[in-house]
């Protein structure tokens, strides 16, 4: 086969594959299920980040001057 014909054939295959990929991406972006999954994933990531932040900033038991903040007054 001639090299020019081979390059032209590969070019057509690449173009057809790119069109198919863009069609799949477009279907995902228009899908309600896809965006629901994205929303749930973002909420889970935000919840984990909040818990990590609260745990990191929580004072240790010995850091309170008068014991636990919710304990009985001494």
Protein backbone atom coordinates (compact mmCIF):
# COMPACT_ATOMS: atom_id res chain seq x y z
CA UNK A 1 0.00 0.00 0.00
CA UNK A 2 1.21 3.48 -0.79
CA UNK A 3 2.39 5.56 2.23
CA UNK A 4 0.07 8.45 1.35
CA UNK A 5 -2.94 6.13 1.31
CA UNK A 6 -1.88 4.65 4.66
CA UNK A 7 -1.59 8.11 6.24
CA UNK A 8 -4.94 9.10 4.79
CA UNK A 9 -6.55 5.91 6.13
CA UNK A 10 -5.11 6.46 9.62
CA UNK A 11 -6.25 10.08 9.51
CA UNK A 12 -9.82 8.99 8.77
CA UNK A 13 -9.73 6.42 11.58
CA UNK A 14 -8.42 9.03 14.02
CA UNK A 15 -11.11 11.51 12.99
CA UNK A 16 -13.91 8.94 13.30
CA UNK A 17 -12.63 7.85 16.72
CA UNK A 18 -12.45 11.46 17.92
CA UNK A 19 -16.01 12.10 16.77
CA UNK A 20 -17.22 9.00 18.61
CA UNK A 21 -15.40 10.08 21.78
CA UNK A 22 -16.87 13.60 21.64
CA UNK A 23 -20.32 12.12 21.14
CA UNK A 24 -19.92 9.98 24.28
CA UNK A 25 -18.65 12.99 26.27
CA UNK A 26 -21.60 15.07 25.07
CA UNK A 27 -24.03 12.37 26.16
CA UNK A 28 -22.46 12.27 29.63
CA UNK A 29 -22.60 16.04 30.04
CA UNK A 30 -26.31 16.05 29.16
CA UNK A 31 -27.13 13.13 31.47
CA UNK A 32 -28.93 13.83 34.73
CA UNK A 33 -27.42 10.67 36.29
CA UNK A 34 -23.91 11.90 35.56
CA UNK A 35 -24.47 15.24 37.31
CA UNK A 36 -26.17 13.50 40.24
CA UNK A 37 -23.08 11.35 40.65
CA UNK A 38 -20.83 14.40 40.44
CA UNK A 39 -22.92 16.17 43.10
CA UNK A 40 -22.84 13.20 45.46
CA UNK A 41 -19.09 12.84 45.01
CA UNK A 42 -18.53 16.54 45.76
CA UNK A 43 -20.73 16.36 48.85
CA UNK A 44 -18.80 13.32 50.11
CA UNK A 45 -15.45 15.03 49.49
CA UNK A 46 -16.69 18.18 51.27
CA UNK A 47 -17.92 16.17 54.25
CA UNK A 48 -14.59 14.34 54.57
CA UNK A 49 -12.71 17.66 54.31
CA UNK A 50 -14.95 19.18 57.02
CA UNK A 51 -14.41 16.24 59.37
CA UNK A 52 -10.62 16.37 58.82
CA UNK A 53 -10.61 20.12 59.49
CA UNK A 54 -12.68 19.77 62.67
CA UNK A 55 -10.52 16.91 63.97
CA UNK A 56 -7.30 18.84 63.29
CA UNK A 57 -8.56 21.96 65.07
CA UNK A 58 -10.10 20.16 68.03
CA UNK A 59 -8.27 20.87 71.29
CA UNK A 60 -6.81 17.97 73.19
CA UNK A 61 -8.25 16.95 76.55
CA UNK A 62 -5.43 18.64 78.50
CA UNK A 63 -5.70 21.96 76.63
CA UNK A 64 -8.76 23.18 78.56
CA UNK A 65 -8.09 25.33 81.59
CA UNK A 66 -11.13 24.05 83.51
CA UNK A 67 -11.44 20.53 82.11
CA UNK A 68 -13.86 19.53 79.41
CA UNK A 69 -15.96 22.38 78.00
CA UNK A 70 -19.15 20.34 78.45
CA UNK A 71 -18.27 18.79 81.78
CA UNK A 72 -19.37 19.79 85.25
CA UNK A 73 -18.02 22.96 86.78
CA UNK A 74 -15.45 22.31 89.47
